[in-house]
Amino acid sequence: DGTGSYDALGSKLEFTYTTDGDKLSIQYPDTDFPFETTYSIEGKILNIKDSFDNDTLYERKLDK
């Protein structure tokens, strides 16, 4: 739905995002410019390139 959140050191950080092909744009509250990068999904694994061009992997967990 274009929204997301994650826990960072015990603090929940919410954001909005858009995609276009393999391009990902993440907008955090109170910031002027989005973080733009590339991403891919393989099975349950989301791979997002960080600001240093390193792979950051996230595994989808299903709600119970």
C-alpha atoms as a PDB file:
ATOM      1  CA  ASP A   1       0.000   0.000   0.000  1.00  0.00           C
ATOM      2  CA  GLY A   2       3.034   2.303  -0.236  1.00  0.00           C
ATOM      3  CA  THR A   3       3.704   2.403   3.510  1.00  0.00           C
ATOM      4  CA  GLY A   4       6.127   0.544   5.731  1.00  0.00           C
ATOM      5  CA  SER A   5       7.875   0.503   9.050  1.00  0.00           C
ATOM      6  CA  TYR A   6      10.766  -1.185  10.774  1.00  0.00           C
ATOM      7  CA  ASP A   7      12.305  -1.339  14.214  1.00  0.00           C
ATOM      8  CA  ALA A   8      15.620   0.429  14.546  1.00  0.00           C
ATOM      9  CA  LEU A   9      17.284   0.024  17.925  1.00  0.00           C
ATOM     10  CA  GLY A  10      13.930  -0.346  19.663  1.00  0.00           C
ATOM     11  CA  SER A  11      12.303   2.604  17.906  1.00  0.00           C
ATOM     12  CA  LYS A  12       9.665   2.112  15.209  1.00  0.00           C
ATOM     13  CA  LEU A  13      10.424   4.105  12.042  1.00  0.00           C
ATOM     14  CA  GLU A  14       7.624   4.593   9.514  1.00  0.00           C
ATOM     15  CA  PHE A  15       8.017   5.594   5.867  1.00  0.00           C
ATOM     16  CA  THR A  16       6.267   5.750   2.507  1.00  0.00           C
ATOM     17  CA  TYR A  17       7.663   4.278  -0.686  1.00  0.00           C
ATOM     18  CA  THR A  18       7.151   4.015  -4.443  1.00  0.00           C
ATOM     19  CA  THR A  19       8.607   1.606  -6.982  1.00  0.00           C
ATOM     20  CA  ASP A  20       9.255   1.800 -10.717  1.00  0.00           C
ATOM     21  CA  GLY A  21      10.734  -1.382 -12.164  1.00  0.00           C
ATOM     22  CA  ASP A  22      13.706  -2.216  -9.921  1.00  0.00           C
ATOM     23  CA  LYS A  23      13.924   1.358  -8.577  1.00  0.00           C
ATOM     24  CA  LEU A  24      12.814   2.048  -5.000  1.00  0.00           C
ATOM     25  CA  SER A  25      12.186   5.482  -3.494  1.00  0.00           C
ATOM     26  CA  ILE A  26      11.726   5.679   0.298  1.00  0.00           C
ATOM     27  CA  GLN A  27      10.490   8.866   1.950  1.00  0.00           C
ATOM     28  CA  TYR A  28      10.988   9.241   5.699  1.00  0.00           C
ATOM     29  CA  PRO A  29       8.956  11.768   7.719  1.00  0.00           C
ATOM     30  CA  ASP A  30      10.607  15.141   8.285  1.00  0.00           C
ATOM     31  CA  THR A  31      13.059  14.671   5.399  1.00  0.00           C
ATOM     32  CA  ASP A  32      13.175  16.757   2.232  1.00  0.00           C
ATOM     33  CA  PHE A  33      14.497  14.161  -0.190  1.00  0.00           C
ATOM     34  CA  PRO A  34      13.746  10.447  -0.619  1.00  0.00           C
ATOM     35  CA  PHE A  35      16.345   7.694  -0.351  1.00  0.00           C
ATOM     36  CA  GLU A  36      16.563   6.208  -3.852  1.00  0.00           C
ATOM     37  CA  THR A  37      18.071   2.817  -4.602  1.00  0.00           C
ATOM     38  CA  THR A  38      17.417  -0.500  -6.364  1.00  0.00           C
ATOM     39  CA  TYR A  39      15.779  -3.635  -5.054  1.00  0.00           C
ATOM     40  CA  SER A  40      14.918  -7.212  -6.012  1.00  0.00           C
ATOM     41  CA  ILE A  41      12.667  -9.900  -4.571  1.00  0.00           C
ATOM     42  CA  GLU A  42      13.416 -13.624  -4.740  1.00  0.00           C
ATOM     43  CA  GLY A  43      10.947 -15.837  -2.897  1.00  0.00           C
ATOM     44  CA  LYS A  44      10.626 -14.445   0.642  1.00  0.00           C
ATOM     45  CA  ILE A  45      13.846 -12.392   0.397  1.00  0.00           C
ATOM     46  CA  LEU A  46      13.850  -8.656  -0.315  1.00  0.00           C
ATOM     47  CA  ASN A  47      17.269  -7.293  -1.302  1.00  0.00           C
ATOM     48  CA  ILE A  48      17.741  -3.526  -1.029  1.00  0.00           C
ATOM     49  CA  LYS A  49      21.009  -1.786  -1.891  1.00  0.00           C
ATOM     50  CA  ASP A  50      22.101   0.473   0.962  1.00  0.00           C
ATOM     51  CA  SER A  51      23.727   3.887   0.528  1.00  0.00           C
ATOM     52  CA  PHE A  52      27.150   2.182   0.209  1.00  0.00           C
ATOM     53  CA  ASP A  53      25.883  -0.170  -2.575  1.00  0.00           C
ATOM     54  CA  ASN A  54      25.893  -3.159  -0.196  1.00  0.00           C
ATOM     55  CA  ASP A  55      23.126  -5.754  -0.244  1.00  0.00           C
ATOM     56  CA  THR A  56      20.706  -5.544   2.687  1.00  0.00           C
ATOM     57  CA  LEU A  57      18.506  -8.637   2.931  1.00  0.00           C
ATOM     58  CA  TYR A  58      15.089  -8.844   4.592  1.00  0.00           C
ATOM     59  CA  GLU A  59      13.067 -12.039   5.002  1.00  0.00           C
ATOM     60  CA  ARG A  60       9.295 -11.838   4.821  1.00  0.00           C
ATOM     61  CA  LYS A  61       7.622 -13.202   7.896  1.00  0.00           C
ATOM     62  CA  LEU A  62       3.975 -14.128   7.769  1.00  0.00           C
ATOM     63  CA  ASP A  63       1.636 -12.812  10.455  1.00  0.00           C
ATOM     64  CA  LYS A  64       0.381 -15.476  12.823  1.00  0.00           C
END
